């Protein structure tokens, strides 16, 4: 029969040779701060005041935290009732 693998099954990679015992181990690549930085992109600026944005949420919305608070103030606290409402019983 044919020794080729079936089309739905990926061919197995050849086994790698084990490193020699007297050979020095390969050092992992150095992790430099420059290598970890993303490519140079222009800073994202606030649409309202123009300051550079640093936070993920700020960059996503396009507004700094102070400008976002100006445009979307927090909801006022709901004050509890000062007295119970008088209500007649049904029966």
PDB file of N, CA and C in Angstrom:
ATOM      1  N   UNK A   1       0.834  -1.177   0.000  1.00  0.00           N
ATOM      2  CA  UNK A   1       0.000   0.000   0.000  1.00  0.00           C
ATOM      3  C   UNK A   1       0.875   1.235   0.000  1.00  0.00           C
ATOM      4  N   UNK A   2       0.225   2.392  -0.019  1.00  0.00           N
ATOM      5  CA  UNK A   2       0.921   3.670  -0.064  1.00  0.00           C
ATOM      6  C   UNK A   2       1.314   4.089   1.353  1.00  0.00           C
ATOM      7  N   UNK A   3       2.570   4.530   1.553  1.00  0.00           N
ATOM      8  CA  UNK A   3       3.062   4.924   2.873  1.00  0.00           C
ATOM      9  C   UNK A   3       2.853   6.402   3.180  1.00  0.00           C
ATOM     10  N   UNK A   4       2.248   7.165   2.299  1.00  0.00           N
ATOM     11  CA  UNK A   4       2.035   8.593   2.543  1.00  0.00           C
ATOM     12  C   UNK A   4       0.923   8.774   3.579  1.00  0.00           C
ATOM     13  N   UNK A   5       1.042   9.817   4.440  1.00  0.00           N
ATOM     14  CA  UNK A   5      -0.013  10.033   5.442  1.00  0.00           C
ATOM     15  C   UNK A   5      -1.310  10.465   4.768  1.00  0.00           C
ATOM     16  N   UNK A   6      -2.406  10.201   5.445  1.00  0.00           N
ATOM     17  CA  UNK A   6      -3.703  10.605   4.929  1.00  0.00           C
ATOM     18  C   UNK A   6      -3.790  12.129   4.898  1.00  0.00           C
ATOM     19  N   UNK A   7      -4.598  12.709   4.028  1.00  0.00           N
ATOM     20  CA  UNK A   7      -4.652  14.172   3.913  1.00  0.00           C
ATOM     21  C   UNK A   7      -5.152  14.871   5.181  1.00  0.00           C
ATOM     22  N   UNK A   8      -5.997  14.231   5.978  1.00  0.00           N
ATOM     23  CA  UNK A   8      -6.514  14.893   7.175  1.00  0.00           C
ATOM     24  C   UNK A   8      -5.561  14.791   8.358  1.00  0.00           C
ATOM     25  N   UNK A   9      -4.486  14.062   8.227  1.00  0.00           N
ATOM     26  CA  UNK A   9      -3.531  13.888   9.318  1.00  0.00           C
ATOM     27  C   UNK A   9      -2.218  14.566   8.949  1.00  0.00           C
ATOM     28  N   UNK A  10      -1.717  15.404   9.841  1.00  0.00           N
ATOM     29  CA  UNK A  10      -0.469  16.111   9.583  1.00  0.00           C
ATOM     30  C   UNK A  10       0.701  15.154   9.737  1.00  0.00           C
ATOM     31  N   UNK A  11       1.722  15.404   8.946  1.00  0.00           N
ATOM     32  CA  UNK A  11       2.920  14.575   9.026  1.00  0.00           C
ATOM     33  C   UNK A  11       3.641  14.859  10.337  1.00  0.00           C
ATOM     34  N   UNK A  12       4.180  13.828  10.948  1.00  0.00           N
ATOM     35  CA  UNK A  12       4.898  13.995  12.209  1.00  0.00           C
ATOM     36  C   UNK A  12       6.292  14.535  11.925  1.00  0.00           C
ATOM     37  N   UNK A  13       6.749  15.525  12.711  1.00  0.00           N
ATOM     38  CA  UNK A  13       8.088  16.067  12.485  1.00  0.00           C
ATOM     39  C   UNK A  13       9.139  15.034  12.889  1.00  0.00           C
ATOM     40  N   UNK A  14      10.293  15.074  12.227  1.00  0.00           N
ATOM     41  CA  UNK A  14      11.346  14.124  12.599  1.00  0.00           C
ATOM     42  C   UNK A  14      11.842  14.416  14.015  1.00  0.00           C
ATOM     43  N   UNK A  15      12.259  13.382  14.703  1.00  0.00           N
ATOM     44  CA  UNK A  15      12.739  13.527  16.077  1.00  0.00           C
ATOM     45  C   UNK A  15      14.053  14.301  16.085  1.00  0.00           C
ATOM     46  N   UNK A  16      14.181  15.242  17.015  1.00  0.00           N
ATOM     47  CA  UNK A  16      15.401  16.036  17.123  1.00  0.00           C
ATOM     48  C   UNK A  16      16.459  15.222  17.856  1.00  0.00           C
ATOM     49  N   UNK A  17      17.712  15.455  17.474  1.00  0.00           N
ATOM     50  CA  UNK A  17      18.812  14.745  18.118  1.00  0.00           C
ATOM     51  C   UNK A  17      19.065  15.350  19.491  1.00  0.00           C
ATOM     52  N   UNK A  18      19.313  14.538  20.503  1.00  0.00           N
ATOM     53  CA  UNK A  18      19.607  15.095  21.829  1.00  0.00           C
ATOM     54  C   UNK A  18      20.967  15.791  21.810  1.00  0.00           C
ATOM     55  N   UNK A  19      21.131  16.876  22.601  1.00  0.00           N
ATOM     56  CA  UNK A  19      22.421  17.573  22.614  1.00  0.00           C
ATOM     57  C   UNK A  19      23.501  16.698  23.248  1.00  0.00           C
ATOM     58  N   UNK A  20      24.709  16.928  22.783  1.00  0.00           N
ATOM     59  CA  UNK A  20      25.840  16.171  23.318  1.00  0.00           C
ATOM     60  C   UNK A  20      26.061  16.563  24.778  1.00  0.00           C
ATOM     61  N   UNK A  21      26.535  15.615  25.582  1.00  0.00           N
ATOM     62  CA  UNK A  21      26.720  15.884  27.002  1.00  0.00           C
ATOM     63  C   UNK A  21      27.854  16.862  27.266  1.00  0.00           C
ATOM     64  N   UNK A  22      28.885  16.853  26.419  1.00  0.00           N
ATOM     65  CA  UNK A  22      30.007  17.761  26.649  1.00  0.00           C
ATOM     66  C   UNK A  22      29.796  19.129  25.996  1.00  0.00           C
ATOM     67  N   UNK A  23      28.747  19.307  25.222  1.00  0.00           N
ATOM     68  CA  UNK A  23      28.489  20.595  24.569  1.00  0.00           C
ATOM     69  C   UNK A  23      27.851  21.552  25.577  1.00  0.00           C
ATOM     70  N   UNK A  24      28.235  22.839  25.553  1.00  0.00           N
ATOM     71  CA  UNK A  24      27.627  23.800  26.478  1.00  0.00           C
ATOM     72  C   UNK A  24      26.168  24.040  26.093  1.00  0.00           C
ATOM     73  N   UNK A  25      25.356  24.273  27.099  1.00  0.00           N
ATOM     74  CA  UNK A  25      23.932  24.525  26.857  1.00  0.00           C
ATOM     75  C   UNK A  25      23.763  25.899  26.228  1.00  0.00           C
ATOM     76  N   UNK A  26      22.822  25.992  25.337  1.00  0.00           N
ATOM     77  CA  UNK A  26      22.560  27.279  24.692  1.00  0.00           C
ATOM     78  C   UNK A  26      21.913  28.214  25.706  1.00  0.00           C
ATOM     79  N   UNK A  27      22.380  29.464  25.735  1.00  0.00           N
ATOM     80  CA  UNK A  27      21.839  30.437  26.670  1.00  0.00           C
ATOM     81  C   UNK A  27      20.533  30.994  26.120  1.00  0.00           C
ATOM     82  N   UNK A  28      19.568  31.259  26.995  1.00  0.00           N
ATOM     83  CA  UNK A  28      18.319  31.852  26.506  1.00  0.00           C
ATOM     84  C   UNK A  28      18.579  33.269  26.011  1.00  0.00           C
ATOM     85  N   UNK A  29      17.756  33.752  25.104  1.00  0.00           N
ATOM     86  CA  UNK A  29      17.973  35.115  24.606  1.00  0.00           C
ATOM     87  C   UNK A  29      17.811  36.130  25.733  1.00  0.00           C
ATOM     88  N   UNK A  30      18.631  37.154  25.690  1.00  0.00           N
ATOM     89  CA  UNK A  30      18.607  38.182  26.731  1.00  0.00           C
ATOM     90  C   UNK A  30      17.314  38.982  26.625  1.00  0.00           C
ATOM     91  N   UNK A  31      16.731  39.293  27.761  1.00  0.00           N
ATOM     92  CA  UNK A  31      15.513  40.090  27.790  1.00  0.00           C
ATOM     93  C   UNK A  31      15.892  41.536  28.079  1.00  0.00           C
ATOM     94  N   UNK A  32      16.065  42.296  27.054  1.00  0.00           N
ATOM     95  CA  UNK A  32      16.394  43.702  27.207  1.00  0.00           C
ATOM     96  C   UNK A  32      15.111  44.506  27.322  1.00  0.00           C
ATOM     97  N   UNK A  33      15.199  45.642  27.993  1.00  0.00           N
ATOM     98  CA  UNK A  33      14.035  46.516  28.090  1.00  0.00           C
ATOM     99  C   UNK A  33      13.682  47.062  26.712  1.00  0.00           C
ATOM    100  N   UNK A  34      14.693  47.317  25.900  1.00  0.00           N
ATOM    101  CA  UNK A  34      14.438  47.845  24.560  1.00  0.00           C
ATOM    102  C   UNK A  34      13.749  46.806  23.687  1.00  0.00           C
ATOM    103  N   UNK A  35      14.068  45.530  23.896  1.00  0.00           N
ATOM    104  CA  UNK A  35      13.451  44.484  23.087  1.00  0.00           C
ATOM    105  C   UNK A  35      11.998  44.273  23.489  1.00  0.00           C
ATOM    106  N   UNK A  36      11.635  44.556  24.739  1.00  0.00           N
ATOM    107  CA  UNK A  36      10.276  44.331  25.212  1.00  0.00           C
ATOM    108  C   UNK A  36       9.340  45.487  24.871  1.00  0.00           C
ATOM    109  N   UNK A  37       9.878  46.649  24.512  1.00  0.00           N
ATOM    110  CA  UNK A  37       9.042  47.804  24.213  1.00  0.00           C
ATOM    111  C   UNK A  37       8.345  47.622  22.874  1.00  0.00           C
ATOM    112  N   UNK A  38       7.104  48.105  22.760  1.00  0.00           N
ATOM    113  CA  UNK A  38       6.421  48.023  21.474  1.00  0.00           C
ATOM    114  C   UNK A  38       7.071  48.977  20.479  1.00  0.00           C
ATOM    115  N   UNK A  39       6.800  48.803  19.210  1.00  0.00           N
ATOM    116  CA  UNK A  39       7.388  49.714  18.230  1.00  0.00           C
ATOM    117  C   UNK A  39       6.930  51.149  18.496  1.00  0.00           C
ATOM    118  N   UNK A  40       7.742  52.083  18.042  1.00  0.00           N
ATOM    119  CA  UNK A  40       7.438  53.494  18.286  1.00  0.00           C
ATOM    120  C   UNK A  40       6.130  53.878  17.608  1.00  0.00           C
ATOM    121  N   UNK A  41       5.212  54.353  18.423  1.00  0.00           N
ATOM    122  CA  UNK A  41       3.932  54.838  17.927  1.00  0.00           C
ATOM    123  C   UNK A  41       3.718  56.225  18.499  1.00  0.00           C
ATOM    124  N   UNK A  42       3.004  57.055  17.803  1.00  0.00           N
ATOM    125  CA  UNK A  42       2.732  58.371  18.388  1.00  0.00           C
ATOM    126  C   UNK A  42       1.843  58.210  19.613  1.00  0.00           C
ATOM    127  N   UNK A  43       2.038  59.034  20.630  1.00  0.00           N
ATOM    128  CA  UNK A  43       1.224  58.884  21.847  1.00  0.00           C
ATOM    129  C   UNK A  43      -0.239  59.214  21.562  1.00  0.00           C
ATOM    130  N   UNK A  44      -1.124  58.508  22.233  1.00  0.00           N
ATOM    131  CA  UNK A  44      -2.558  58.778  22.118  1.00  0.00           C
ATOM    132  C   UNK A  44      -2.867  59.929  23.054  1.00  0.00           C
ATOM    133  N   UNK A  45      -3.563  60.925  22.554  1.00  0.00           N
ATOM    134  CA  UNK A  45      -3.848  62.116  23.348  1.00  0.00           C
ATOM    135  C   UNK A  45      -5.338  62.213  23.660  1.00  0.00           C
ATOM    136  N   UNK A  46      -5.630  62.858  24.777  1.00  0.00           N
ATOM    137  CA  UNK A  46      -7.010  63.066  25.205  1.00  0.00           C
ATOM    138  C   UNK A  46      -7.713  63.956  24.184  1.00  0.00           C
ATOM    139  N   UNK A  47      -8.938  63.598  23.834  1.00  0.00           N
ATOM    140  CA  UNK A  47      -9.683  64.378  22.849  1.00  0.00           C
ATOM    141  C   UNK A  47     -10.160  65.705  23.414  1.00  0.00           C
ATOM    142  N   UNK A  48     -10.199  65.828  24.731  1.00  0.00           N
ATOM    143  CA  UNK A  48     -10.712  67.047  25.339  1.00  0.00           C
ATOM    144  C   UNK A  48      -9.592  68.015  25.711  1.00  0.00           C
ATOM    145  N   UNK A  49      -8.556  67.524  26.391  1.00  0.00           N
ATOM    146  CA  UNK A  49      -7.506  68.430  26.870  1.00  0.00           C
ATOM    147  C   UNK A  49      -6.181  68.259  26.135  1.00  0.00           C
ATOM    148  N   UNK A  50      -5.976  67.147  25.434  1.00  0.00           N
ATOM    149  CA  UNK A  50      -4.758  66.950  24.663  1.00  0.00           C
ATOM    150  C   UNK A  50      -3.607  66.317  25.420  1.00  0.00           C
ATOM    151  N   UNK A  51      -3.805  65.951  26.664  1.00  0.00           N
ATOM    152  CA  UNK A  51      -2.728  65.300  27.424  1.00  0.00           C
ATOM    153  C   UNK A  51      -2.519  63.880  26.916  1.00  0.00           C
ATOM    154  N   UNK A  52      -1.292  63.359  27.006  1.00  0.00           N
ATOM    155  CA  UNK A  52      -1.066  61.965  26.589  1.00  0.00           C
ATOM    156  C   UNK A  52      -1.764  60.994  27.533  1.00  0.00           C
ATOM    157  N   UNK A  53      -2.358  59.958  26.957  1.00  0.00           N
ATOM    158  CA  UNK A  53      -3.084  58.959  27.737  1.00  0.00           C
ATOM    159  C   UNK A  53      -2.183  57.778  28.021  1.00  0.00           C
ATOM    160  N   UNK A  54      -2.256  57.259  29.242  1.00  0.00           N
ATOM    161  CA  UNK A  54      -1.400  56.137  29.618  1.00  0.00           C
ATOM    162  C   UNK A  54      -2.177  54.871  29.935  1.00  0.00           C
ATOM    163  N   UNK A  55      -3.346  54.974  30.489  1.00  0.00           N
ATOM    164  CA  UNK A  55      -4.101  53.788  30.878  1.00  0.00           C
ATOM    165  C   UNK A  55      -4.802  53.136  29.702  1.00  0.00           C
ATOM    166  N   UNK A  56      -5.031  51.835  29.815  1.00  0.00           N
ATOM    167  CA  UNK A  56      -5.693  51.088  28.744  1.00  0.00           C
ATOM    168  C   UNK A  56      -7.114  51.600  28.521  1.00  0.00           C
ATOM    169  N   UNK A  57      -7.858  51.809  29.602  1.00  0.00           N
ATOM    170  CA  UNK A  57      -9.235  52.296  29.462  1.00  0.00           C
ATOM    171  C   UNK A  57      -9.251  53.705  28.886  1.00  0.00           C
ATOM    172  N   UNK A  58      -8.302  54.531  29.298  1.00  0.00           N
ATOM    173  CA  UNK A  58      -8.236  55.894  28.779  1.00  0.00           C
ATOM    174  C   UNK A  58      -7.928  55.891  27.289  1.00  0.00           C
ATOM    175  N   UNK A  59      -6.996  55.049  26.870  1.00  0.00           N
ATOM    176  CA  UNK A  59      -6.676  54.986  25.440  1.00  0.00           C
ATOM    177  C   UNK A  59      -7.855  54.456  24.642  1.00  0.00           C
ATOM    178  N   UNK A  60      -8.617  53.525  25.231  1.00  0.00           N
ATOM    179  CA  UNK A  60      -9.755  52.955  24.516  1.00  0.00           C
ATOM    180  C   UNK A  60     -10.864  53.993  24.333  1.00  0.00           C
ATOM    181  N   UNK A  61     -11.147  54.790  25.379  1.00  0.00           N
ATOM    182  CA  UNK A  61     -12.218  55.777  25.281  1.00  0.00           C
ATOM    183  C   UNK A  61     -11.753  57.074  24.641  1.00  0.00           C
ATOM    184  N   UNK A  62     -10.445  57.338  24.678  1.00  0.00           N
ATOM    185  CA  UNK A  62      -9.934  58.573  24.104  1.00  0.00           C
ATOM    186  C   UNK A  62     -10.029  59.758  25.042  1.00  0.00           C
ATOM    187  N   UNK A  63     -10.349  59.507  26.306  1.00  0.00           N
ATOM    188  CA  UNK A  63     -10.462  60.572  27.297  1.00  0.00           C
ATOM    189  C   UNK A  63      -9.633  60.223  28.519  1.00  0.00           C
ATOM    190  N   UNK A  64      -8.987  61.235  29.092  1.00  0.00           N
ATOM    191  CA  UNK A  64      -8.263  61.033  30.335  1.00  0.00           C
ATOM    192  C   UNK A  64      -9.241  60.852  31.484  1.00  0.00           C
ATOM    193  N   UNK A  65      -8.763  60.396  32.648  1.00  0.00           N
ATOM    194  CA  UNK A  65      -9.672  60.161  33.770  1.00  0.00           C
ATOM    195  C   UNK A  65     -10.396  61.428  34.230  1.00  0.00           C
ATOM    196  N   UNK A  66      -9.713  62.565  34.250  1.00  0.00           N
ATOM    197  CA  UNK A  66     -10.348  63.808  34.701  1.00  0.00           C
ATOM    198  C   UNK A  66     -11.399  64.275  33.696  1.00  0.00           C
ATOM    199  N   UNK A  67     -11.082  64.185  32.414  1.00  0.00           N
ATOM    200  CA  UNK A  67     -12.035  64.612  31.386  1.00  0.00           C
ATOM    201  C   UNK A  67     -13.221  63.659  31.310  1.00  0.00           C
ATOM    202  N   UNK A  68     -12.983  62.389  31.513  1.00  0.00           N
ATOM    203  CA  UNK A  68     -14.074  61.418  31.513  1.00  0.00           C
ATOM    204  C   UNK A  68     -15.011  61.690  32.688  1.00  0.00           C
ATOM    205  N   UNK A  69     -14.447  62.068  33.834  1.00  0.00           N
ATOM    206  CA  UNK A  69     -15.276  62.382  35.002  1.00  0.00           C
ATOM    207  C   UNK A  69     -16.092  63.653  34.770  1.00  0.00           C
ATOM    208  N   UNK A  70     -15.556  64.605  33.991  1.00  0.00           N
ATOM    209  CA  UNK A  70     -16.307  65.825  33.689  1.00  0.00           C
ATOM    210  C   UNK A  70     -17.497  65.518  32.783  1.00  0.00           C
ATOM    211  N   UNK A  71     -17.274  64.675  31.790  1.00  0.00           N
ATOM    212  CA  UNK A  71     -18.337  64.373  30.833  1.00  0.00           C
ATOM    213  C   UNK A  71     -19.329  63.344  31.353  1.00  0.00           C
ATOM    214  N   UNK A  72     -18.869  62.433  32.184  1.00  0.00           N
ATOM    215  CA  UNK A  72     -19.728  61.375  32.717  1.00  0.00           C
ATOM    216  C   UNK A  72     -19.611  61.356  34.235  1.00  0.00           C
ATOM    217  N   UNK A  73     -20.268  62.303  34.907  1.00  0.00           N
ATOM    218  CA  UNK A  73     -20.160  62.327  36.372  1.00  0.00           C
ATOM    219  C   UNK A  73     -20.813  61.097  36.982  1.00  0.00           C
ATOM    220  N   UNK A  74     -20.355  60.730  38.161  1.00  0.00           N
ATOM    221  CA  UNK A  74     -20.924  59.563  38.834  1.00  0.00           C
ATOM    222  C   UNK A  74     -22.354  59.875  39.269  1.00  0.00           C
ATOM    223  N   UNK A  75     -23.146  58.832  39.412  1.00  0.00           N
ATOM    224  CA  UNK A  75     -24.544  59.000  39.793  1.00  0.00           C
ATOM    225  C   UNK A  75     -24.629  59.489  41.229  1.00  0.00           C
ATOM    226  N   UNK A  76     -25.609  60.334  41.506  1.00  0.00           N
ATOM    227  CA  UNK A  76     -25.762  60.785  42.899  1.00  0.00           C
ATOM    228  C   UNK A  76     -26.234  59.630  43.769  1.00  0.00           C
ATOM    229  N   UNK A  77     -25.878  59.702  45.023  1.00  0.00           N
ATOM    230  CA  UNK A  77     -26.304  58.668  45.961  1.00  0.00           C
ATOM    231  C   UNK A  77     -27.814  58.765  46.179  1.00  0.00           C
ATOM    232  N   UNK A  78     -28.465  57.639  46.265  1.00  0.00           N
ATOM    233  CA  UNK A  78     -29.892  57.606  46.540  1.00  0.00           C
ATOM    234  C   UNK A  78     -30.067  57.751  48.047  1.00  0.00           C
ATOM    235  N   UNK A  79     -30.753  58.796  48.437  1.00  0.00           N
ATOM    236  CA  UNK A  79     -30.952  59.043  49.867  1.00  0.00           C
ATOM    237  C   UNK A  79     -32.094  58.183  50.381  1.00  0.00           C
ATOM    238  N   UNK A  80     -31.961  57.643  51.561  1.00  0.00           N
ATOM    239  CA  UNK A  80     -33.059  56.854  52.126  1.00  0.00           C
ATOM    240  C   UNK A  80     -34.219  57.773  52.518  1.00  0.00           C
ATOM    241  N   UNK A  81     -35.389  57.199  52.613  1.00  0.00           N
ATOM    242  CA  UNK A  81     -36.557  57.982  53.015  1.00  0.00           C
ATOM    243  C   UNK A  81     -36.403  58.425  54.467  1.00  0.00           C
ATOM    244  N   UNK A  82     -36.896  59.601  54.736  1.00  0.00           N
ATOM    245  CA  UNK A  82     -36.776  60.133  56.090  1.00  0.00           C
ATOM    246  C   UNK A  82     -37.850  59.573  57.008  1.00  0.00           C
ATOM    247  N   UNK A  83     -38.958  59.149  56.436  1.00  0.00           N
ATOM    248  CA  UNK A  83     -40.039  58.598  57.249  1.00  0.00           C
ATOM    249  C   UNK A  83     -40.760  57.532  56.432  1.00  0.00           C
ATOM    250  N   UNK A  84     -41.429  56.680  57.138  1.00  0.00           N
ATOM    251  CA  UNK A  84     -42.193  55.638  56.466  1.00  0.00           C
ATOM    252  C   UNK A  84     -43.446  56.248  55.854  1.00  0.00           C
ATOM    253  N   UNK A  85     -43.815  55.748  54.714  1.00  0.00           N
ATOM    254  CA  UNK A  85     -45.020  56.218  54.052  1.00  0.00           C
ATOM    255  C   UNK A  85     -46.220  55.570  54.723  1.00  0.00           C
ATOM    256  N   UNK A  86     -47.205  56.385  55.059  1.00  0.00           N
ATOM    257  CA  UNK A  86     -48.410  55.849  55.685  1.00  0.00           C
ATOM    258  C   UNK A  86     -49.284  55.232  54.610  1.00  0.00           C
ATOM    259  N   UNK A  87     -49.712  54.030  54.847  1.00  0.00           N
ATOM    260  CA  UNK A  87     -50.495  53.315  53.857  1.00  0.00           C
ATOM    261  C   UNK A  87     -51.607  52.556  54.564  1.00  0.00           C
ATOM    262  N   UNK A  88     -52.797  52.602  53.972  1.00  0.00           N
ATOM    263  CA  UNK A  88     -53.925  51.888  54.547  1.00  0.00           C
ATOM    264  C   UNK A  88     -53.838  50.423  54.179  1.00  0.00           C
ATOM    265  N   UNK A  89     -54.262  49.586  55.071  1.00  0.00           N
ATOM    266  CA  UNK A  89     -54.280  48.159  54.798  1.00  0.00           C
ATOM    267  C   UNK A  89     -55.370  47.803  53.801  1.00  0.00           C
ATOM    268  N   UNK A  90     -55.177  46.769  53.034  1.00  0.00           N
ATOM    269  CA  UNK A  90     -56.163  46.358  52.048  1.00  0.00           C
ATOM    270  C   UNK A  90     -57.343  45.645  52.694  1.00  0.00           C
ATOM    271  N   UNK A  91     -57.179  44.938  53.790  1.00  0.00           N
ATOM    272  CA  UNK A  91     -58.276  44.195  54.406  1.00  0.00           C
ATOM    273  C   UNK A  91     -58.451  44.615  55.823  1.00  0.00           C
TER     274      UNK A  91
END
